[in-house]
Amino acid sequence: MLVTQGLVHQGYLAANPRFGSLPKVALAGLLGFGLGKVSYIGVCQSKFHSFQEQLRGAGFGPEHNRHCLLTCKECKIRRGLSENQGSQPSAS
């Protein structure tokens, strides 16, 4: 935005007769913001992939316990016991 303002001030870009340099500076700001967001998409995706295992325990993923939002030791033990009991056939 600063470069665009300098170019308008030096006369390399023509200023709008009614609004001055504002439209060109605003457009430069929007384009810079958009390009910054697009360039950060890959970094953001890699951060989410690296935290995939940690997010599952925090309420994300198919193994999330919907009744208890806490991931305390007691909840982990209960979940482990219920999974083990469900996989073994009963004797009755």
PDB file of N, CA and C in Angstrom:
ATOM      1  N   MET A   1       0.829  -1.178   0.000  1.00  0.00           N
ATOM      2  CA  MET A   1       0.000   0.000   0.000  1.00  0.00           C
ATOM      3  C   MET A   1       0.879   1.250   0.000  1.00  0.00           C
ATOM      4  N   LEU A   2       1.990   1.184   0.738  1.00  0.00           N
ATOM      5  CA  LEU A   2       2.899   2.321   0.817  1.00  0.00           C
ATOM      6  C   LEU A   2       3.546   2.577  -0.545  1.00  0.00           C
ATOM      7  N   VAL A   3       3.919   1.531  -1.243  1.00  0.00           N
ATOM      8  CA  VAL A   3       4.520   1.685  -2.577  1.00  0.00           C
ATOM      9  C   VAL A   3       3.508   2.299  -3.533  1.00  0.00           C
ATOM     10  N   THR A   4       2.265   1.829  -3.483  1.00  0.00           N
ATOM     11  CA  THR A   4       1.228   2.377  -4.351  1.00  0.00           C
ATOM     12  C   THR A   4       0.993   3.853  -4.055  1.00  0.00           C
ATOM     13  N   GLN A   5       0.966   4.201  -2.789  1.00  0.00           N
ATOM     14  CA  GLN A   5       0.788   5.605  -2.418  1.00  0.00           C
ATOM     15  C   GLN A   5       1.962   6.437  -2.937  1.00  0.00           C
ATOM     16  N   GLY A   6       3.179   5.890  -2.853  1.00  0.00           N
ATOM     17  CA  GLY A   6       4.342   6.606  -3.367  1.00  0.00           C
ATOM     18  C   GLY A   6       4.291   6.788  -4.872  1.00  0.00           C
ATOM     19  N   LEU A   7       3.831   5.753  -5.585  1.00  0.00           N
ATOM     20  CA  LEU A   7       3.719   5.860  -7.039  1.00  0.00           C
ATOM     21  C   LEU A   7       2.675   6.900  -7.447  1.00  0.00           C
ATOM     22  N   VAL A   8       1.581   6.976  -6.728  1.00  0.00           N
ATOM     23  CA  VAL A   8       0.566   7.991  -7.017  1.00  0.00           C
ATOM     24  C   VAL A   8       1.126   9.374  -6.700  1.00  0.00           C
ATOM     25  N   HIS A   9       1.832   9.506  -5.605  1.00  0.00           N
ATOM     26  CA  HIS A   9       2.388  10.797  -5.196  1.00  0.00           C
ATOM     27  C   HIS A   9       3.449  11.284  -6.187  1.00  0.00           C
ATOM     28  N   GLN A  10       4.265  10.373  -6.719  1.00  0.00           N
ATOM     29  CA  GLN A  10       5.308  10.740  -7.683  1.00  0.00           C
ATOM     30  C   GLN A  10       4.741  10.976  -9.088  1.00  0.00           C
ATOM     31  N   GLY A  11       3.519  10.552  -9.349  1.00  0.00           N
ATOM     32  CA  GLY A  11       2.885  10.780 -10.635  1.00  0.00           C
ATOM     33  C   GLY A  11       2.976   9.606 -11.592  1.00  0.00           C
ATOM     34  N   TYR A  12       3.526   8.491 -11.154  1.00  0.00           N
ATOM     35  CA  TYR A  12       3.590   7.311 -12.020  1.00  0.00           C
ATOM     36  C   TYR A  12       2.215   6.673 -12.200  1.00  0.00           C
ATOM     37  N   LEU A  13       1.361   6.793 -11.205  1.00  0.00           N
ATOM     38  CA  LEU A  13      -0.032   6.348 -11.301  1.00  0.00           C
ATOM     39  C   LEU A  13      -0.920   7.582 -11.159  1.00  0.00           C
ATOM     40  N   ALA A  14      -1.977   7.639 -11.954  1.00  0.00           N
ATOM     41  CA  ALA A  14      -2.879   8.792 -11.908  1.00  0.00           C
ATOM     42  C   ALA A  14      -3.850   8.642 -10.750  1.00  0.00           C
ATOM     43  N   ALA A  15      -4.051   9.707 -10.024  1.00  0.00           N
ATOM     44  CA  ALA A  15      -5.009   9.720  -8.921  1.00  0.00           C
ATOM     45  C   ALA A  15      -6.413   9.941  -9.474  1.00  0.00           C
ATOM     46  N   ASN A  16      -7.389   9.381  -8.795  1.00  0.00           N
ATOM     47  CA  ASN A  16      -8.787   9.578  -9.152  1.00  0.00           C
ATOM     48  C   ASN A  16      -9.141  11.035  -8.860  1.00  0.00           C
ATOM     49  N   PRO A  17      -9.854  11.715  -9.785  1.00  0.00           N
ATOM     50  CA  PRO A  17     -10.179  13.131  -9.541  1.00  0.00           C
ATOM     51  C   PRO A  17     -11.081  13.347  -8.324  1.00  0.00           C
ATOM     52  N   ARG A  18     -11.913  12.380  -8.022  1.00  0.00           N
ATOM     53  CA  ARG A  18     -12.842  12.567  -6.903  1.00  0.00           C
ATOM     54  C   ARG A  18     -12.297  12.002  -5.594  1.00  0.00           C
ATOM     55  N   PHE A  19     -11.692  10.793  -5.615  1.00  0.00           N
ATOM     56  CA  PHE A  19     -11.275  10.109  -4.392  1.00  0.00           C
ATOM     57  C   PHE A  19      -9.768  10.135  -4.153  1.00  0.00           C
ATOM     58  N   GLY A  20      -9.001  10.641  -5.085  1.00  0.00           N
ATOM     59  CA  GLY A  20      -7.557  10.708  -4.919  1.00  0.00           C
ATOM     60  C   GLY A  20      -6.916   9.329  -5.060  1.00  0.00           C
ATOM     61  N   SER A  21      -5.959   9.046  -4.189  1.00  0.00           N
ATOM     62  CA  SER A  21      -5.233   7.773  -4.273  1.00  0.00           C
ATOM     63  C   SER A  21      -5.936   6.635  -3.533  1.00  0.00           C
ATOM     64  N   LEU A  22      -7.017   6.915  -2.830  1.00  0.00           N
ATOM     65  CA  LEU A  22      -7.693   5.912  -2.001  1.00  0.00           C
ATOM     66  C   LEU A  22      -8.092   4.641  -2.752  1.00  0.00           C
ATOM     67  N   PRO A  23      -8.713   4.699  -3.932  1.00  0.00           N
ATOM     68  CA  PRO A  23      -9.092   3.449  -4.601  1.00  0.00           C
ATOM     69  C   PRO A  23      -7.900   2.560  -4.944  1.00  0.00           C
ATOM     70  N   LYS A  24      -6.814   3.156  -5.430  1.00  0.00           N
ATOM     71  CA  LYS A  24      -5.646   2.361  -5.799  1.00  0.00           C
ATOM     72  C   LYS A  24      -4.954   1.787  -4.569  1.00  0.00           C
ATOM     73  N   VAL A  25      -4.876   2.556  -3.512  1.00  0.00           N
ATOM     74  CA  VAL A  25      -4.239   2.082  -2.282  1.00  0.00           C
ATOM     75  C   VAL A  25      -5.091   0.984  -1.647  1.00  0.00           C
ATOM     76  N   ALA A  26      -6.414   1.146  -1.657  1.00  0.00           N
ATOM     77  CA  ALA A  26      -7.302   0.122  -1.093  1.00  0.00           C
ATOM     78  C   ALA A  26      -7.215  -1.166  -1.899  1.00  0.00           C
ATOM     79  N   LEU A  27      -7.162  -1.058  -3.221  1.00  0.00           N
ATOM     80  CA  LEU A  27      -7.034  -2.248  -4.064  1.00  0.00           C
ATOM     81  C   LEU A  27      -5.708  -2.954  -3.805  1.00  0.00           C
ATOM     82  N   ALA A  28      -4.645  -2.189  -3.651  1.00  0.00           N
ATOM     83  CA  ALA A  28      -3.337  -2.789  -3.346  1.00  0.00           C
ATOM     84  C   ALA A  28      -3.382  -3.505  -1.994  1.00  0.00           C
ATOM     85  N   GLY A  29      -4.059  -2.923  -1.015  1.00  0.00           N
ATOM     86  CA  GLY A  29      -4.186  -3.560   0.288  1.00  0.00           C
ATOM     87  C   GLY A  29      -4.971  -4.858   0.222  1.00  0.00           C
ATOM     88  N   LEU A  30      -6.077  -4.852  -0.514  1.00  0.00           N
ATOM     89  CA  LEU A  30      -6.885  -6.065  -0.653  1.00  0.00           C
ATOM     90  C   LEU A  30      -6.125  -7.166  -1.389  1.00  0.00           C
ATOM     91  N   LEU A  31      -5.404  -6.792  -2.444  1.00  0.00           N
ATOM     92  CA  LEU A  31      -4.619  -7.797  -3.169  1.00  0.00           C
ATOM     93  C   LEU A  31      -3.505  -8.357  -2.285  1.00  0.00           C
ATOM     94  N   GLY A  32      -2.847  -7.516  -1.519  1.00  0.00           N
ATOM     95  CA  GLY A  32      -1.797  -7.983  -0.613  1.00  0.00           C
ATOM     96  C   GLY A  32      -2.350  -8.913   0.447  1.00  0.00           C
ATOM     97  N   PHE A  33      -3.496  -8.567   1.007  1.00  0.00           N
ATOM     98  CA  PHE A  33      -4.134  -9.416   2.015  1.00  0.00           C
ATOM     99  C   PHE A  33      -4.512 -10.767   1.418  1.00  0.00           C
ATOM    100  N   GLY A  34      -5.110 -10.757   0.223  1.00  0.00           N
ATOM    101  CA  GLY A  34      -5.511 -12.006  -0.433  1.00  0.00           C
ATOM    102  C   GLY A  34      -4.327 -12.881  -0.764  1.00  0.00           C
ATOM    103  N   LEU A  35      -3.261 -12.298  -1.306  1.00  0.00           N
ATOM    104  CA  LEU A  35      -2.078 -13.089  -1.632  1.00  0.00           C
ATOM    105  C   LEU A  35      -1.418 -13.639  -0.375  1.00  0.00           C
ATOM    106  N   GLY A  36      -1.447 -12.887   0.709  1.00  0.00           N
ATOM    107  CA  GLY A  36      -0.899 -13.383   1.972  1.00  0.00           C
ATOM    108  C   GLY A  36      -1.681 -14.579   2.496  1.00  0.00           C
ATOM    109  N   LYS A  37      -2.988 -14.506   2.412  1.00  0.00           N
ATOM    110  CA  LYS A  37      -3.829 -15.621   2.853  1.00  0.00           C
ATOM    111  C   LYS A  37      -3.588 -16.863   2.005  1.00  0.00           C
ATOM    112  N   VAL A  38      -3.519 -16.689   0.686  1.00  0.00           N
ATOM    113  CA  VAL A  38      -3.321 -17.820  -0.214  1.00  0.00           C
ATOM    114  C   VAL A  38      -1.952 -18.456   0.032  1.00  0.00           C
ATOM    115  N   SER A  39      -0.940 -17.636   0.291  1.00  0.00           N
ATOM    116  CA  SER A  39       0.395 -18.188   0.505  1.00  0.00           C
ATOM    117  C   SER A  39       0.509 -18.929   1.829  1.00  0.00           C
ATOM    118  N   TYR A  40      -0.376 -18.677   2.781  1.00  0.00           N
ATOM    119  CA  TYR A  40      -0.323 -19.300   4.097  1.00  0.00           C
ATOM    120  C   TYR A  40      -1.140 -20.593   4.173  1.00  0.00           C
ATOM    121  N   ILE A  41      -1.931 -20.906   3.159  1.00  0.00           N
ATOM    122  CA  ILE A  41      -2.811 -22.076   3.200  1.00  0.00           C
ATOM    123  C   ILE A  41      -2.017 -23.364   3.426  1.00  0.00           C
ATOM    124  N   GLY A  42      -0.915 -23.550   2.729  1.00  0.00           N
ATOM    125  CA  GLY A  42      -0.116 -24.769   2.880  1.00  0.00           C
ATOM    126  C   GLY A  42       0.446 -24.919   4.275  1.00  0.00           C
ATOM    127  N   VAL A  43       0.906 -23.831   4.879  1.00  0.00           N
ATOM    128  CA  VAL A  43       1.449 -23.873   6.236  1.00  0.00           C
ATOM    129  C   VAL A  43       0.350 -24.236   7.228  1.00  0.00           C
ATOM    130  N   CYS A  44      -0.819 -23.662   7.058  1.00  0.00           N
ATOM    131  CA  CYS A  44      -1.948 -23.934   7.957  1.00  0.00           C
ATOM    132  C   CYS A  44      -2.371 -25.397   7.860  1.00  0.00           C
ATOM    133  N   GLN A  45      -2.451 -25.938   6.655  1.00  0.00           N
ATOM    134  CA  GLN A  45      -2.830 -27.340   6.489  1.00  0.00           C
ATOM    135  C   GLN A  45      -1.807 -28.272   7.120  1.00  0.00           C
ATOM    136  N   SER A  46      -0.536 -27.960   6.977  1.00  0.00           N
ATOM    137  CA  SER A  46       0.487 -28.826   7.569  1.00  0.00           C
ATOM    138  C   SER A  46       0.430 -28.789   9.091  1.00  0.00           C
ATOM    139  N   LYS A  47       0.077 -27.651   9.667  1.00  0.00           N
ATOM    140  CA  LYS A  47      -0.066 -27.570  11.125  1.00  0.00           C
ATOM    141  C   LYS A  47      -1.221 -28.450  11.599  1.00  0.00           C
ATOM    142  N   PHE A  48      -2.345 -28.432  10.901  1.00  0.00           N
ATOM    143  CA  PHE A  48      -3.471 -29.269  11.288  1.00  0.00           C
ATOM    144  C   PHE A  48      -3.146 -30.750  11.138  1.00  0.00           C
ATOM    145  N   HIS A  49      -2.410 -31.128  10.091  1.00  0.00           N
ATOM    146  CA  HIS A  49      -2.041 -32.531   9.917  1.00  0.00           C
ATOM    147  C   HIS A  49      -1.074 -32.991  11.006  1.00  0.00           C
ATOM    148  N   SER A  50      -0.190 -32.096  11.466  1.00  0.00           N
ATOM    149  CA  SER A  50       0.770 -32.501  12.494  1.00  0.00           C
ATOM    150  C   SER A  50       0.097 -32.663  13.862  1.00  0.00           C
ATOM    151  N   PHE A  51      -1.001 -31.971  14.084  1.00  0.00           N
ATOM    152  CA  PHE A  51      -1.705 -32.069  15.360  1.00  0.00           C
ATOM    153  C   PHE A  51      -2.901 -33.015  15.297  1.00  0.00           C
ATOM    154  N   GLN A  52      -2.969 -33.834  14.266  1.00  0.00           N
ATOM    155  CA  GLN A  52      -4.135 -34.697  14.057  1.00  0.00           C
ATOM    156  C   GLN A  52      -4.382 -35.609  15.250  1.00  0.00           C
ATOM    157  N   GLU A  53      -3.367 -36.240  15.779  1.00  0.00           N
ATOM    158  CA  GLU A  53      -3.541 -37.149  16.910  1.00  0.00           C
ATOM    159  C   GLU A  53      -3.946 -36.405  18.171  1.00  0.00           C
ATOM    160  N   GLN A  54      -3.399 -35.230  18.397  1.00  0.00           N
ATOM    161  CA  GLN A  54      -3.732 -34.469  19.591  1.00  0.00           C
ATOM    162  C   GLN A  54      -5.161 -33.955  19.531  1.00  0.00           C
ATOM    163  N   LEU A  55      -5.649 -33.598  18.350  1.00  0.00           N
ATOM    164  CA  LEU A  55      -7.004 -33.074  18.216  1.00  0.00           C
ATOM    165  C   LEU A  55      -8.066 -34.144  18.449  1.00  0.00           C
ATOM    166  N   ARG A  56      -7.763 -35.390  18.164  1.00  0.00           N
ATOM    167  CA  ARG A  56      -8.753 -36.452  18.373  1.00  0.00           C
ATOM    168  C   ARG A  56      -9.135 -36.570  19.835  1.00  0.00           C
ATOM    169  N   GLY A  57      -8.195 -36.407  20.732  1.00  0.00           N
ATOM    170  CA  GLY A  57      -8.501 -36.483  22.153  1.00  0.00           C
ATOM    171  C   GLY A  57      -9.217 -35.255  22.674  1.00  0.00           C
ATOM    172  N   ALA A  58      -9.182 -34.161  21.911  1.00  0.00           N
ATOM    173  CA  ALA A  58      -9.777 -32.911  22.363  1.00  0.00           C
ATOM    174  C   ALA A  58     -11.183 -32.707  21.825  1.00  0.00           C
ATOM    175  N   GLY A  59     -11.808 -33.726  21.284  1.00  0.00           N
ATOM    176  CA  GLY A  59     -13.181 -33.585  20.827  1.00  0.00           C
ATOM    177  C   GLY A  59     -13.350 -33.688  19.332  1.00  0.00           C
ATOM    178  N   PHE A  60     -12.316 -34.110  18.622  1.00  0.00           N
ATOM    179  CA  PHE A  60     -12.404 -34.250  17.185  1.00  0.00           C
ATOM    180  C   PHE A  60     -12.159 -35.694  16.796  1.00  0.00           C
ATOM    181  N   GLY A  61     -12.745 -36.115  15.713  1.00  0.00           N
ATOM    182  CA  GLY A  61     -12.475 -37.449  15.194  1.00  0.00           C
ATOM    183  C   GLY A  61     -13.511 -38.464  15.609  1.00  0.00           C
ATOM    184  N   PRO A  62     -13.466 -39.651  15.021  1.00  0.00           N
ATOM    185  CA  PRO A  62     -14.487 -40.666  15.266  1.00  0.00           C
ATOM    186  C   PRO A  62     -14.398 -41.306  16.647  1.00  0.00           C
ATOM    187  N   GLU A  63     -13.246 -41.228  17.321  1.00  0.00           N
ATOM    188  CA  GLU A  63     -13.097 -41.885  18.618  1.00  0.00           C
ATOM    189  C   GLU A  63     -13.458 -40.968  19.781  1.00  0.00           C
ATOM    190  N   HIS A  64     -14.025 -39.830  19.506  1.00  0.00           N
ATOM    191  CA  HIS A  64     -14.346 -38.876  20.558  1.00  0.00           C
ATOM    192  C   HIS A  64     -15.518 -39.371  21.411  1.00  0.00           C
ATOM    193  N   ASN A  65     -15.370 -39.265  22.720  1.00  0.00           N
ATOM    194  CA  ASN A  65     -16.421 -39.658  23.654  1.00  0.00           C
ATOM    195  C   ASN A  65     -17.387 -38.483  23.782  1.00  0.00           C
ATOM    196  N   ARG A  66     -18.578 -38.602  23.249  1.00  0.00           N
ATOM    197  CA  ARG A  66     -19.508 -37.477  23.223  1.00  0.00           C
ATOM    198  C   ARG A  66     -20.119 -37.170  24.591  1.00  0.00           C
ATOM    199  N   HIS A  67     -20.091 -38.118  25.525  1.00  0.00           N
ATOM    200  CA  HIS A  67     -20.704 -37.881  26.828  1.00  0.00           C
ATOM    201  C   HIS A  67     -19.780 -37.124  27.759  1.00  0.00           C
ATOM    202  N   CYS A  68     -18.492 -37.254  27.584  1.00  0.00           N
ATOM    203  CA  CYS A  68     -17.534 -36.613  28.474  1.00  0.00           C
ATOM    204  C   CYS A  68     -16.549 -35.813  27.641  1.00  0.00           C
ATOM    205  N   LEU A  69     -16.505 -34.508  27.831  1.00  0.00           N
ATOM    206  CA  LEU A  69     -15.599 -33.671  27.074  1.00  0.00           C
ATOM    207  C   LEU A  69     -14.212 -33.621  27.692  1.00  0.00           C
ATOM    208  N   LEU A  70     -14.050 -34.174  28.879  1.00  0.00           N
ATOM    209  CA  LEU A  70     -12.751 -34.168  29.531  1.00  0.00           C
ATOM    210  C   LEU A  70     -11.948 -35.389  29.103  1.00  0.00           C
ATOM    211  N   THR A  71     -10.641 -35.235  29.033  1.00  0.00           N
ATOM    212  CA  THR A  71      -9.777 -36.362  28.681  1.00  0.00           C
ATOM    213  C   THR A  71      -8.909 -36.699  29.884  1.00  0.00           C
ATOM    214  N   CYS A  72      -9.530 -36.852  31.023  1.00  0.00           N
ATOM    215  CA  CYS A  72      -8.796 -37.182  32.241  1.00  0.00           C
ATOM    216  C   CYS A  72      -8.478 -38.681  32.270  1.00  0.00           C
ATOM    217  N   LYS A  73      -7.657 -39.082  33.227  1.00  0.00           N
ATOM    218  CA  LYS A  73      -7.254 -40.490  33.316  1.00  0.00           C
ATOM    219  C   LYS A  73      -8.455 -41.402  33.544  1.00  0.00           C
ATOM    220  N   GLU A  74      -9.394 -40.957  34.370  1.00  0.00           N
ATOM    221  CA  GLU A  74     -10.578 -41.765  34.664  1.00  0.00           C
ATOM    222  C   GLU A  74     -11.397 -42.022  33.396  1.00  0.00           C
ATOM    223  N   CYS A  75     -11.566 -40.977  32.571  1.00  0.00           N
ATOM    224  CA  CYS A  75     -12.324 -41.147  31.325  1.00  0.00           C
ATOM    225  C   CYS A  75     -11.602 -42.085  30.369  1.00  0.00           C
ATOM    226  N   LYS A  76     -10.284 -41.962  30.308  1.00  0.00           N
ATOM    227  CA  LYS A  76      -9.521 -42.848  29.431  1.00  0.00           C
ATOM    228  C   LYS A  76      -9.635 -44.297  29.887  1.00  0.00           C
ATOM    229  N   ILE A  77      -9.621 -44.531  31.206  1.00  0.00           N
ATOM    230  CA  ILE A  77      -9.754 -45.890  31.734  1.00  0.00           C
ATOM    231  C   ILE A  77     -11.136 -46.441  31.413  1.00  0.00           C
ATOM    232  N   ARG A  78     -12.176 -45.639  31.632  1.00  0.00           N
ATOM    233  CA  ARG A  78     -13.542 -46.085  31.325  1.00  0.00           C
ATOM    234  C   ARG A  78     -13.693 -46.417  29.847  1.00  0.00           C
ATOM    235  N   ARG A  79     -13.151 -45.575  29.003  1.00  0.00           N
ATOM    236  CA  ARG A  79     -13.256 -45.804  27.562  1.00  0.00           C
ATOM    237  C   ARG A  79     -12.495 -47.066  27.176  1.00  0.00           C
ATOM    238  N   GLY A  80     -11.336 -47.287  27.784  1.00  0.00           N
ATOM    239  CA  GLY A  80     -10.557 -48.489  27.511  1.00  0.00           C
ATOM    240  C   GLY A  80     -11.276 -49.739  27.963  1.00  0.00           C
ATOM    241  N   LEU A  81     -11.934 -49.685  29.143  1.00  0.00           N
ATOM    242  CA  LEU A  81     -12.671 -50.848  29.631  1.00  0.00           C
ATOM    243  C   LEU A  81     -13.869 -51.145  28.754  1.00  0.00           C
ATOM    244  N   SER A  82     -14.586 -50.115  28.328  1.00  0.00           N
ATOM    245  CA  SER A  82     -15.780 -50.362  27.522  1.00  0.00           C
ATOM    246  C   SER A  82     -15.400 -50.907  26.148  1.00  0.00           C
ATOM    247  N   GLU A  83     -14.259 -50.466  25.586  1.00  0.00           N
ATOM    248  CA  GLU A  83     -13.822 -50.987  24.292  1.00  0.00           C
ATOM    249  C   GLU A  83     -13.405 -52.448  24.419  1.00  0.00           C
ATOM    250  N   ASN A  84     -12.723 -52.807  25.521  1.00  0.00           N
ATOM    251  CA  ASN A  84     -12.282 -54.188  25.717  1.00  0.00           C
ATOM    252  C   ASN A  84     -13.471 -55.112  25.954  1.00  0.00           C
ATOM    253  N   GLN A  85     -14.463 -54.663  26.711  1.00  0.00           N
ATOM    254  CA  GLN A  85     -15.632 -55.490  26.977  1.00  0.00           C
ATOM    255  C   GLN A  85     -16.471 -55.689  25.716  1.00  0.00           C
ATOM    256  N   GLY A  86     -16.518 -54.696  24.865  1.00  0.00           N
ATOM    257  CA  GLY A  86     -17.317 -54.803  23.649  1.00  0.00           C
ATOM    258  C   GLY A  86     -16.713 -55.762  22.642  1.00  0.00           C
ATOM    259  N   SER A  87     -15.410 -55.957  22.687  1.00  0.00           N
ATOM    260  CA  SER A  87     -14.753 -56.828  21.703  1.00  0.00           C
ATOM    261  C   SER A  87     -14.764 -58.288  22.112  1.00  0.00           C
ATOM    262  N   GLN A  88     -15.006 -58.606  23.421  1.00  0.00           N
ATOM    263  CA  GLN A  88     -15.006 -59.987  23.878  1.00  0.00           C
ATOM    264  C   GLN A  88     -16.439 -60.527  23.912  1.00  0.00           C
ATOM    265  N   PRO A  89     -16.664 -61.729  23.423  1.00  0.00           N
ATOM    266  CA  PRO A  89     -18.016 -62.292  23.480  1.00  0.00           C
ATOM    267  C   PRO A  89     -18.374 -62.669  24.925  1.00  0.00           C
ATOM    268  N   SER A  90     -19.635 -62.536  25.243  1.00  0.00           N
ATOM    269  CA  SER A  90     -20.073 -62.876  26.603  1.00  0.00           C
ATOM    270  C   SER A  90     -20.300 -64.368  26.725  1.00  0.00           C
ATOM    271  N   ALA A  91     -20.232 -64.883  28.004  1.00  0.00           N
ATOM    272  CA  ALA A  91     -20.353 -66.305  28.254  1.00  0.00           C
ATOM    273  C   ALA A  91     -21.814 -66.726  28.429  1.00  0.00           C
ATOM    274  N   SER A  92     -22.727 -65.779  28.471  1.00  0.00           N
ATOM    275  CA  SER A  92     -24.136 -66.158  28.713  1.00  0.00           C
ATOM    276  C   SER A  92     -24.891 -66.501  27.510  1.00  0.00           C
TER     277      SER A  92
END
